[in-house]
Amino acid sequence: MRKLLIPYLILIAGMVLLDVLWLGFIAKSIYADGIGHLMAAEPRFGPAIAFYLLYAVGLMFFALAPNGPRRTMRTTLTAAALFGTVAYATYDLTNLATLRDWPLGVALIDIAWGCAASTLSVMAAKLWMDRFEPAPASA
C-alpha cells in the first residue's frame, strides 16, 4: 500500500497542475464562451478536492495498479486514456442529455481533455514507478 502512495500523489499533482493550466489559461475562453452562464463566479474548492482525490483513485485502480511495473507503458497509457475518456464522457454526455444549454463543442473538447490529462498524469506516475519500483527480475 505504501508503495502506491507516491504514484497516487503524482496522479493528484498531475491532474491539478494540468487542470490549472487548461482551465485557467489554455481553454479558459472556450469554457467561458460556451458555459460561462452556468459557471460559478468562484470555484468551490471542497468539491474540486473531492474530485481530484476520487479521480486519482480511479486512475490508480483501473489504469496504473493493474499495469504497474510488469506492464508496458503502452498498455498502461491505453488504460488511462480509456478511463479518462469514459469518465469525462459520462459527465459531458449526461450534461448534453439533461441541460438545455450545454454545447456539443464544449463536450467534445472536454472529453478529449479528460483523455489527455488522464494519460499524461498516469504517464508521470508510471515513469516514477518504473524508475523507483522496477518489476522483479524473472527467474
N, C-alpha and C. Protein backbone atom coordinates (compact mmCIF):
# COMPACT_ATOMS: atom_id res chain seq x y z
N MET A 1 0.82 -1.20 0.00
CA MET A 1 0.00 0.00 0.00
C MET A 1 0.85 1.25 0.00
N ARG A 2 1.92 1.26 0.80
CA ARG A 2 2.78 2.44 0.88
C ARG A 2 3.48 2.71 -0.45
N LYS A 3 3.77 1.65 -1.21
CA LYS A 3 4.46 1.85 -2.47
C LYS A 3 3.56 2.49 -3.53
N LEU A 4 2.26 2.53 -3.28
CA LEU A 4 1.35 3.21 -4.20
C LEU A 4 1.06 4.65 -3.79
N LEU A 5 1.52 5.06 -2.61
CA LEU A 5 1.23 6.41 -2.13
C LEU A 5 1.87 7.47 -3.03
N ILE A 6 3.14 7.32 -3.35
CA ILE A 6 3.80 8.34 -4.18
C ILE A 6 3.19 8.39 -5.58
N PRO A 7 2.95 7.27 -6.25
CA PRO A 7 2.26 7.36 -7.55
C PRO A 7 0.87 8.02 -7.44
N TYR A 8 0.15 7.74 -6.36
CA TYR A 8 -1.16 8.37 -6.13
C TYR A 8 -1.00 9.88 -6.01
N LEU A 9 -0.02 10.32 -5.25
CA LEU A 9 0.23 11.76 -5.10
C LEU A 9 0.67 12.39 -6.41
N ILE A 10 1.43 11.65 -7.21
CA ILE A 10 1.84 12.15 -8.53
C ILE A 10 0.61 12.32 -9.42
N LEU A 11 -0.32 11.38 -9.35
CA LEU A 11 -1.55 11.49 -10.14
C LEU A 11 -2.34 12.74 -9.75
N ILE A 12 -2.50 12.97 -8.45
CA ILE A 12 -3.23 14.15 -7.99
C ILE A 12 -2.52 15.42 -8.46
N ALA A 13 -1.22 15.49 -8.22
CA ALA A 13 -0.46 16.68 -8.61
C ALA A 13 -0.54 16.90 -10.12
N GLY A 14 -0.43 15.83 -10.88
CA GLY A 14 -0.50 15.94 -12.33
C GLY A 14 -1.84 16.48 -12.80
N MET A 15 -2.92 15.90 -12.29
CA MET A 15 -4.25 16.35 -12.69
C MET A 15 -4.50 17.80 -12.28
N VAL A 16 -4.12 18.16 -11.06
CA VAL A 16 -4.33 19.54 -10.60
C VAL A 16 -3.52 20.51 -11.47
N LEU A 17 -2.25 20.23 -11.67
CA LEU A 17 -1.41 21.12 -12.47
C LEU A 17 -1.94 21.26 -13.89
N LEU A 18 -2.28 20.14 -14.51
CA LEU A 18 -2.80 20.19 -15.87
C LEU A 18 -4.12 20.94 -15.94
N ASP A 19 -5.01 20.72 -14.97
CA ASP A 19 -6.28 21.44 -14.97
C ASP A 19 -6.11 22.93 -14.73
N VAL A 20 -5.17 23.30 -13.86
CA VAL A 20 -4.91 24.73 -13.64
C VAL A 20 -4.47 25.38 -14.95
N LEU A 21 -3.56 24.73 -15.65
CA LEU A 21 -3.10 25.26 -16.93
C LEU A 21 -4.23 25.29 -17.97
N TRP A 22 -4.96 24.19 -18.07
CA TRP A 22 -6.01 24.06 -19.07
C TRP A 22 -7.18 25.00 -18.78
N LEU A 23 -7.74 24.89 -17.59
CA LEU A 23 -8.93 25.68 -17.25
C LEU A 23 -8.62 27.14 -16.98
N GLY A 24 -7.43 27.40 -16.45
CA GLY A 24 -7.09 28.76 -16.09
C GLY A 24 -6.49 29.58 -17.20
N PHE A 25 -5.90 28.92 -18.20
CA PHE A 25 -5.20 29.67 -19.24
C PHE A 25 -5.54 29.19 -20.65
N ILE A 26 -5.24 27.95 -20.96
CA ILE A 26 -5.32 27.47 -22.33
C ILE A 26 -6.74 27.48 -22.87
N ALA A 27 -7.69 26.90 -22.15
CA ALA A 27 -9.06 26.76 -22.65
C ALA A 27 -10.06 27.62 -21.89
N LYS A 28 -9.58 28.56 -21.13
CA LYS A 28 -10.47 29.39 -20.31
C LYS A 28 -11.58 30.03 -21.14
N SER A 29 -11.23 30.59 -22.28
CA SER A 29 -12.25 31.28 -23.09
C SER A 29 -13.24 30.29 -23.72
N ILE A 30 -12.79 29.07 -24.01
CA ILE A 30 -13.70 28.07 -24.57
C ILE A 30 -14.83 27.78 -23.59
N TYR A 31 -14.46 27.56 -22.33
CA TYR A 31 -15.47 27.27 -21.32
C TYR A 31 -16.29 28.53 -20.99
N ALA A 32 -15.64 29.68 -20.90
CA ALA A 32 -16.36 30.91 -20.58
C ALA A 32 -17.38 31.23 -21.67
N ASP A 33 -16.99 31.10 -22.93
CA ASP A 33 -17.91 31.38 -24.03
C ASP A 33 -19.03 30.35 -24.12
N GLY A 34 -18.71 29.09 -23.88
CA GLY A 34 -19.70 28.03 -24.05
C GLY A 34 -20.63 27.83 -22.87
N ILE A 35 -20.07 27.90 -21.66
CA ILE A 35 -20.89 27.60 -20.47
C ILE A 35 -20.70 28.63 -19.36
N GLY A 36 -20.19 29.81 -19.72
CA GLY A 36 -19.95 30.84 -18.73
C GLY A 36 -21.18 31.19 -17.91
N HIS A 37 -22.34 31.15 -18.55
CA HIS A 37 -23.59 31.48 -17.85
C HIS A 37 -23.95 30.42 -16.80
N LEU A 38 -23.34 29.27 -16.87
CA LEU A 38 -23.59 28.20 -15.90
C LEU A 38 -22.52 28.13 -14.81
N MET A 39 -21.41 28.82 -15.02
CA MET A 39 -20.26 28.70 -14.12
C MET A 39 -20.43 29.58 -12.88
N ALA A 40 -19.91 29.08 -11.76
CA ALA A 40 -19.89 29.86 -10.52
C ALA A 40 -18.87 30.98 -10.67
N ALA A 41 -19.10 32.08 -9.96
CA ALA A 41 -18.17 33.21 -10.02
C ALA A 41 -16.79 32.81 -9.50
N GLU A 42 -16.76 31.98 -8.49
CA GLU A 42 -15.51 31.47 -7.90
C GLU A 42 -15.63 29.95 -7.79
N PRO A 43 -14.52 29.23 -8.02
CA PRO A 43 -14.58 27.77 -7.86
C PRO A 43 -14.88 27.37 -6.42
N ARG A 44 -15.57 26.26 -6.27
CA ARG A 44 -15.83 25.69 -4.95
C ARG A 44 -14.76 24.63 -4.71
N PHE A 45 -13.87 24.91 -3.76
CA PHE A 45 -12.70 24.06 -3.59
C PHE A 45 -13.00 22.72 -2.93
N GLY A 46 -14.00 22.63 -2.09
CA GLY A 46 -14.36 21.36 -1.46
C GLY A 46 -14.69 20.28 -2.49
N PRO A 47 -15.65 20.54 -3.38
CA PRO A 47 -15.95 19.54 -4.40
C PRO A 47 -14.78 19.29 -5.35
N ALA A 48 -13.99 20.32 -5.63
CA ALA A 48 -12.82 20.12 -6.51
C ALA A 48 -11.81 19.19 -5.87
N ILE A 49 -11.54 19.37 -4.59
CA ILE A 49 -10.60 18.49 -3.88
C ILE A 49 -11.14 17.06 -3.87
N ALA A 50 -12.43 16.92 -3.59
CA ALA A 50 -13.04 15.59 -3.57
C ALA A 50 -12.90 14.92 -4.95
N PHE A 51 -13.12 15.69 -6.02
CA PHE A 51 -12.96 15.14 -7.37
C PHE A 51 -11.55 14.61 -7.57
N TYR A 52 -10.53 15.44 -7.29
CA TYR A 52 -9.15 15.02 -7.56
C TYR A 52 -8.76 13.80 -6.73
N LEU A 53 -9.19 13.75 -5.47
CA LEU A 53 -8.88 12.59 -4.63
C LEU A 53 -9.53 11.32 -5.18
N LEU A 54 -10.81 11.42 -5.56
CA LEU A 54 -11.53 10.25 -6.08
C LEU A 54 -11.07 9.86 -7.48
N TYR A 55 -10.83 10.85 -8.32
CA TYR A 55 -10.42 10.56 -9.69
C TYR A 55 -9.07 9.86 -9.70
N ALA A 56 -8.17 10.30 -8.84
CA ALA A 56 -6.86 9.65 -8.75
C ALA A 56 -7.00 8.20 -8.28
N VAL A 57 -7.96 7.91 -7.41
CA VAL A 57 -8.23 6.53 -7.01
C VAL A 57 -8.65 5.72 -8.24
N GLY A 58 -9.53 6.29 -9.05
CA GLY A 58 -9.96 5.60 -10.26
C GLY A 58 -8.81 5.33 -11.21
N LEU A 59 -7.95 6.33 -11.41
CA LEU A 59 -6.78 6.12 -12.27
C LEU A 59 -5.85 5.06 -11.70
N MET A 60 -5.68 5.06 -10.39
CA MET A 60 -4.83 4.04 -9.75
C MET A 60 -5.42 2.65 -9.98
N PHE A 61 -6.72 2.51 -9.69
CA PHE A 61 -7.36 1.20 -9.71
C PHE A 61 -7.51 0.64 -11.11
N PHE A 62 -7.88 1.49 -12.07
CA PHE A 62 -8.19 0.99 -13.41
C PHE A 62 -7.04 1.10 -14.40
N ALA A 63 -6.08 1.98 -14.17
CA ALA A 63 -5.01 2.16 -15.15
C ALA A 63 -3.63 1.83 -14.60
N LEU A 64 -3.28 2.39 -13.46
CA LEU A 64 -1.89 2.28 -13.02
C LEU A 64 -1.58 0.99 -12.27
N ALA A 65 -2.32 0.67 -11.24
CA ALA A 65 -2.00 -0.50 -10.42
C ALA A 65 -2.04 -1.81 -11.21
N PRO A 66 -3.08 -2.06 -12.02
CA PRO A 66 -3.06 -3.33 -12.76
C PRO A 66 -2.01 -3.36 -13.86
N ASN A 67 -1.46 -2.21 -14.19
CA ASN A 67 -0.46 -2.13 -15.26
C ASN A 67 0.85 -1.59 -14.72
N GLY A 68 1.15 -1.90 -13.46
CA GLY A 68 2.34 -1.40 -12.79
C GLY A 68 3.63 -1.78 -13.48
N PRO A 69 4.67 -2.03 -12.73
CA PRO A 69 5.99 -2.24 -13.31
C PRO A 69 6.09 -3.42 -14.26
N ARG A 70 5.17 -4.34 -14.20
CA ARG A 70 5.25 -5.53 -15.07
C ARG A 70 4.68 -5.28 -16.47
N ARG A 71 3.97 -4.20 -16.66
CA ARG A 71 3.32 -3.92 -17.94
C ARG A 71 4.07 -2.84 -18.71
N THR A 72 3.80 -2.79 -20.00
CA THR A 72 4.44 -1.78 -20.84
C THR A 72 3.77 -0.43 -20.61
N MET A 73 4.50 0.62 -20.97
CA MET A 73 3.94 1.96 -20.90
C MET A 73 2.71 2.06 -21.80
N ARG A 74 2.77 1.44 -22.96
CA ARG A 74 1.65 1.50 -23.91
C ARG A 74 0.37 0.92 -23.32
N THR A 75 0.46 -0.22 -22.68
CA THR A 75 -0.70 -0.85 -22.06
C THR A 75 -1.28 0.06 -20.96
N THR A 76 -0.39 0.61 -20.15
CA THR A 76 -0.82 1.48 -19.06
C THR A 76 -1.49 2.74 -19.58
N LEU A 77 -0.90 3.36 -20.58
CA LEU A 77 -1.45 4.60 -21.13
C LEU A 77 -2.75 4.37 -21.88
N THR A 78 -2.88 3.22 -22.49
CA THR A 78 -4.15 2.88 -23.15
C THR A 78 -5.27 2.78 -22.12
N ALA A 79 -4.99 2.14 -20.99
CA ALA A 79 -5.99 2.04 -19.92
C ALA A 79 -6.32 3.43 -19.37
N ALA A 80 -5.32 4.27 -19.21
CA ALA A 80 -5.54 5.63 -18.69
C ALA A 80 -6.39 6.45 -19.67
N ALA A 81 -6.07 6.36 -20.95
CA ALA A 81 -6.83 7.10 -21.97
C ALA A 81 -8.29 6.64 -22.01
N LEU A 82 -8.49 5.35 -21.92
CA LEU A 82 -9.86 4.83 -21.92
C LEU A 82 -10.61 5.28 -20.68
N PHE A 83 -9.96 5.19 -19.52
CA PHE A 83 -10.62 5.62 -18.28
C PHE A 83 -10.98 7.10 -18.36
N GLY A 84 -10.04 7.93 -18.80
CA GLY A 84 -10.31 9.37 -18.89
C GLY A 84 -11.43 9.69 -19.86
N THR A 85 -11.43 9.00 -20.99
CA THR A 85 -12.48 9.23 -21.98
C THR A 85 -13.85 8.84 -21.43
N VAL A 86 -13.93 7.68 -20.82
CA VAL A 86 -15.21 7.21 -20.28
C VAL A 86 -15.70 8.12 -19.14
N ALA A 87 -14.80 8.48 -18.25
CA ALA A 87 -15.20 9.32 -17.10
C ALA A 87 -15.69 10.69 -17.56
N TYR A 88 -14.92 11.33 -18.42
CA TYR A 88 -15.31 12.67 -18.87
C TYR A 88 -16.52 12.60 -19.80
N ALA A 89 -16.64 11.54 -20.60
CA ALA A 89 -17.81 11.39 -21.45
C ALA A 89 -19.07 11.19 -20.62
N THR A 90 -18.95 10.49 -19.51
CA THR A 90 -20.11 10.31 -18.63
C THR A 90 -20.65 11.66 -18.19
N TYR A 91 -19.76 12.52 -17.77
CA TYR A 91 -20.14 13.87 -17.32
C TYR A 91 -20.72 14.69 -18.49
N ASP A 92 -19.96 14.78 -19.58
CA ASP A 92 -20.37 15.65 -20.68
C ASP A 92 -21.60 15.15 -21.42
N LEU A 93 -21.71 13.86 -21.63
CA LEU A 93 -22.88 13.34 -22.32
C LEU A 93 -24.13 13.44 -21.45
N THR A 94 -23.97 13.27 -20.14
CA THR A 94 -25.10 13.49 -19.24
C THR A 94 -25.55 14.94 -19.31
N ASN A 95 -24.59 15.87 -19.33
CA ASN A 95 -24.95 17.28 -19.45
C ASN A 95 -25.64 17.58 -20.77
N LEU A 96 -25.16 16.98 -21.86
CA LEU A 96 -25.82 17.16 -23.15
C LEU A 96 -27.25 16.63 -23.12
N ALA A 97 -27.46 15.55 -22.39
CA ALA A 97 -28.78 14.93 -22.33
C ALA A 97 -29.74 15.68 -21.41
N THR A 98 -29.21 16.37 -20.41
CA THR A 98 -30.11 16.92 -19.38
C THR A 98 -30.11 18.45 -19.26
N LEU A 99 -29.11 19.10 -19.81
CA LEU A 99 -29.04 20.56 -19.69
C LEU A 99 -29.39 21.21 -21.03
N ARG A 100 -30.16 22.23 -20.96
CA ARG A 100 -30.66 22.91 -22.15
C ARG A 100 -29.54 23.61 -22.93
N ASP A 101 -28.55 24.15 -22.24
CA ASP A 101 -27.54 24.98 -22.90
C ASP A 101 -26.13 24.41 -22.85
N TRP A 102 -25.97 23.11 -22.85
CA TRP A 102 -24.62 22.54 -22.84
C TRP A 102 -24.17 22.34 -24.29
N PRO A 103 -23.15 23.06 -24.73
CA PRO A 103 -22.74 22.99 -26.15
C PRO A 103 -21.99 21.70 -26.49
N LEU A 104 -22.29 21.18 -27.66
CA LEU A 104 -21.62 19.97 -28.13
C LEU A 104 -20.11 20.19 -28.24
N GLY A 105 -19.71 21.36 -28.72
CA GLY A 105 -18.28 21.65 -28.87
C GLY A 105 -17.54 21.59 -27.55
N VAL A 106 -18.13 22.13 -26.50
CA VAL A 106 -17.51 22.07 -25.17
C VAL A 106 -17.42 20.62 -24.71
N ALA A 107 -18.47 19.86 -24.95
CA ALA A 107 -18.47 18.45 -24.54
C ALA A 107 -17.35 17.68 -25.23
N LEU A 108 -17.19 17.85 -26.52
CA LEU A 108 -16.17 17.12 -27.26
C LEU A 108 -14.76 17.52 -26.82
N ILE A 109 -14.54 18.81 -26.63
CA ILE A 109 -13.23 19.28 -26.17
C ILE A 109 -12.95 18.77 -24.76
N ASP A 110 -13.96 18.78 -23.90
CA ASP A 110 -13.78 18.33 -22.52
C ASP A 110 -13.49 16.83 -22.46
N ILE A 111 -14.15 16.05 -23.27
CA ILE A 111 -13.89 14.61 -23.31
C ILE A 111 -12.45 14.36 -23.77
N ALA A 112 -12.03 15.06 -24.81
CA ALA A 112 -10.64 14.91 -25.28
C ALA A 112 -9.66 15.34 -24.20
N TRP A 113 -10.01 16.39 -23.46
CA TRP A 113 -9.15 16.83 -22.36
C TRP A 113 -9.07 15.78 -21.27
N GLY A 114 -10.17 15.16 -20.92
CA GLY A 114 -10.16 14.11 -19.91
C GLY A 114 -9.25 12.97 -20.31
N CYS A 115 -9.28 12.60 -21.58
CA CYS A 115 -8.41 11.55 -22.10
C CYS A 115 -6.95 11.98 -21.98
N ALA A 116 -6.64 13.19 -22.43
CA ALA A 116 -5.25 13.67 -22.43
C ALA A 116 -4.70 13.86 -21.02
N ALA A 117 -5.46 14.52 -20.16
CA ALA A 117 -4.98 14.80 -18.80
C ALA A 117 -4.78 13.50 -18.02
N SER A 118 -5.68 12.56 -18.19
CA SER A 118 -5.55 11.27 -17.50
C SER A 118 -4.32 10.53 -17.99
N THR A 119 -4.11 10.53 -19.29
CA THR A 119 -2.97 9.83 -19.87
C THR A 119 -1.65 10.44 -19.42
N LEU A 120 -1.56 11.77 -19.45
CA LEU A 120 -0.33 12.44 -19.04
C LEU A 120 -0.04 12.23 -17.56
N SER A 121 -1.06 12.29 -16.73
CA SER A 121 -0.86 12.09 -15.29
C SER A 121 -0.42 10.67 -14.99
N VAL A 122 -1.05 9.70 -15.64
CA VAL A 122 -0.65 8.30 -15.43
C VAL A 122 0.76 8.07 -15.97
N MET A 123 1.11 8.71 -17.07
CA MET A 123 2.47 8.56 -17.60
C MET A 123 3.51 9.02 -16.57
N ALA A 124 3.25 10.15 -15.92
CA ALA A 124 4.19 10.64 -14.91
C ALA A 124 4.33 9.64 -13.76
N ALA A 125 3.20 9.12 -13.29
CA ALA A 125 3.24 8.16 -12.18
C ALA A 125 3.90 6.85 -12.61
N LYS A 126 3.63 6.40 -13.82
CA LYS A 126 4.23 5.16 -14.33
C LYS A 126 5.74 5.32 -14.51
N LEU A 127 6.17 6.48 -14.99
CA LEU A 127 7.62 6.72 -15.11
C LEU A 127 8.29 6.64 -13.74
N TRP A 128 7.64 7.20 -12.72
CA TRP A 128 8.19 7.13 -11.37
C TRP A 128 8.25 5.67 -10.90
N MET A 129 7.17 4.94 -11.11
CA MET A 129 7.13 3.54 -10.68
C MET A 129 8.20 2.71 -11.38
N ASP A 130 8.34 2.91 -12.67
CA ASP A 130 9.33 2.13 -13.42
C ASP A 130 10.75 2.47 -12.99
N ARG A 131 10.96 3.69 -12.59
CA ARG A 131 12.31 4.12 -12.18
C ARG A 131 12.63 3.67 -10.76
N PHE A 132 11.68 3.84 -9.85
CA PHE A 132 11.96 3.60 -8.43
C PHE A 132 11.37 2.32 -7.87
N GLU A 133 10.48 1.68 -8.60
CA GLU A 133 9.90 0.41 -8.17
C GLU A 133 9.87 -0.56 -9.35
N PRO A 134 11.02 -0.89 -9.90
CA PRO A 134 11.03 -1.76 -11.09
C PRO A 134 10.47 -3.14 -10.79
N ALA A 135 10.01 -3.77 -11.85
CA ALA A 135 9.46 -5.13 -11.71
C ALA A 135 10.56 -6.08 -11.25
N PRO A 136 10.20 -7.06 -10.43
CA PRO A 136 11.19 -8.06 -10.02
C PRO A 136 11.71 -8.82 -11.24
N ALA A 137 12.96 -9.19 -11.19
CA ALA A 137 13.56 -9.95 -12.28
C ALA A 137 12.91 -11.33 -12.39
N SER A 138 12.73 -11.78 -13.61
CA SER A 138 12.14 -13.11 -13.82
C SER A 138 13.19 -14.17 -13.53
N ALA A 139 12.74 -15.28 -13.00
CA ALA A 139 13.68 -16.37 -12.68
C ALA A 139 13.82 -17.32 -13.82
